[in-house]
């Protein structure tokens, strides 16, 4: 999404449910940064956790973009 790379990283929890995680990266080489967000929600499927993670990552990037265009 623009200059950001958003990747879902769901992980399997004990009991067979899934936790949502998202990685948001930007930049290249030594100028790169990455953020990983983990969420407390539990999901019944890998895909549901991935969908939630991607949506949260997109929301985070959009909010960051809105903040950067607001006047001081």
Protein backbone atom coordinates (compact mmCIF):
# COMPACT_ATOMS: atom_id res chain seq x y z
CA UNK A 1 0.00 0.00 0.00
CA UNK A 2 1.95 2.96 -1.23
CA UNK A 3 5.38 2.95 0.34
CA UNK A 4 4.34 0.39 2.98
CA UNK A 5 4.44 -3.39 2.75
CA UNK A 6 1.71 -4.99 4.86
CA UNK A 7 1.84 -8.71 5.62
CA UNK A 8 -0.45 -10.80 7.80
CA UNK A 9 1.31 -13.27 10.09
CA UNK A 10 -1.40 -15.29 11.86
CA UNK A 11 -0.16 -17.74 14.46
CA UNK A 12 -1.70 -20.91 15.77
CA UNK A 13 -2.71 -20.84 19.42
CA UNK A 14 -3.04 -23.79 21.78
CA UNK A 15 -6.49 -25.24 21.22
CA UNK A 16 -6.48 -24.69 17.46
CA UNK A 17 -7.58 -21.05 17.27
CA UNK A 18 -5.52 -18.31 15.63
CA UNK A 19 -4.14 -14.96 16.75
CA UNK A 20 -3.81 -12.07 14.31
CA UNK A 21 -0.50 -10.32 13.74
CA UNK A 22 0.53 -7.86 11.05
CA UNK A 23 3.91 -6.64 9.87
CA UNK A 24 4.16 -3.17 8.35
CA UNK A 25 7.46 -2.33 6.69
CA UNK A 26 8.77 0.65 4.74
CA UNK A 27 12.02 1.76 3.20
CA UNK A 28 14.85 -0.30 1.76
CA UNK A 29 18.18 -1.56 3.01
CA UNK A 30 19.66 0.22 6.00
CA UNK A 31 16.88 2.84 5.82
CA UNK A 32 14.12 0.29 6.34
CA UNK A 33 11.81 0.14 9.34
CA UNK A 34 9.30 -2.47 10.41
CA UNK A 35 6.52 -2.65 12.95
CA UNK A 36 4.74 -5.80 14.11
CA UNK A 37 1.37 -5.50 15.81
CA UNK A 38 -0.19 -8.38 17.72
CA UNK A 39 -3.87 -8.46 18.57
CA UNK A 40 -5.69 -10.13 21.45
CA UNK A 41 -8.67 -11.30 19.37
CA UNK A 42 -8.82 -15.02 18.64
CA UNK A 43 -10.16 -16.44 15.37
CA UNK A 44 -11.41 -19.85 14.33
CA UNK A 45 -9.54 -19.87 11.01
CA UNK A 46 -6.16 -18.79 9.67
CA UNK A 47 -7.88 -16.77 6.93
CA UNK A 48 -10.08 -14.87 9.39
CA UNK A 49 -7.04 -13.92 11.46
CA UNK A 50 -5.16 -12.86 8.31
CA UNK A 51 -8.08 -10.76 7.05
CA UNK A 52 -8.37 -8.99 10.41
CA UNK A 53 -4.61 -8.34 10.54
CA UNK A 54 -4.51 -6.89 7.02
CA UNK A 55 -7.50 -4.64 7.75
CA UNK A 56 -5.84 -3.35 10.94
CA UNK A 57 -2.57 -2.73 9.06
CA UNK A 58 -4.36 -0.77 6.35
CA UNK A 59 -6.21 1.27 8.98
CA UNK A 60 -2.91 2.07 10.73
CA UNK A 61 -1.26 3.23 7.47
CA UNK A 62 -4.31 5.33 6.52
CA UNK A 63 -4.37 6.99 9.96
CA UNK A 64 -0.65 7.74 9.67
CA UNK A 65 -1.26 9.32 6.27
CA UNK A 66 -4.15 11.43 7.64
CA UNK A 67 -1.94 12.69 10.49
CA UNK A 68 0.82 13.70 8.11
CA UNK A 69 -1.50 15.99 6.10
CA UNK A 70 -3.16 17.73 9.07
CA UNK A 71 -2.08 21.32 9.64
CA UNK A 72 -0.17 22.00 12.86
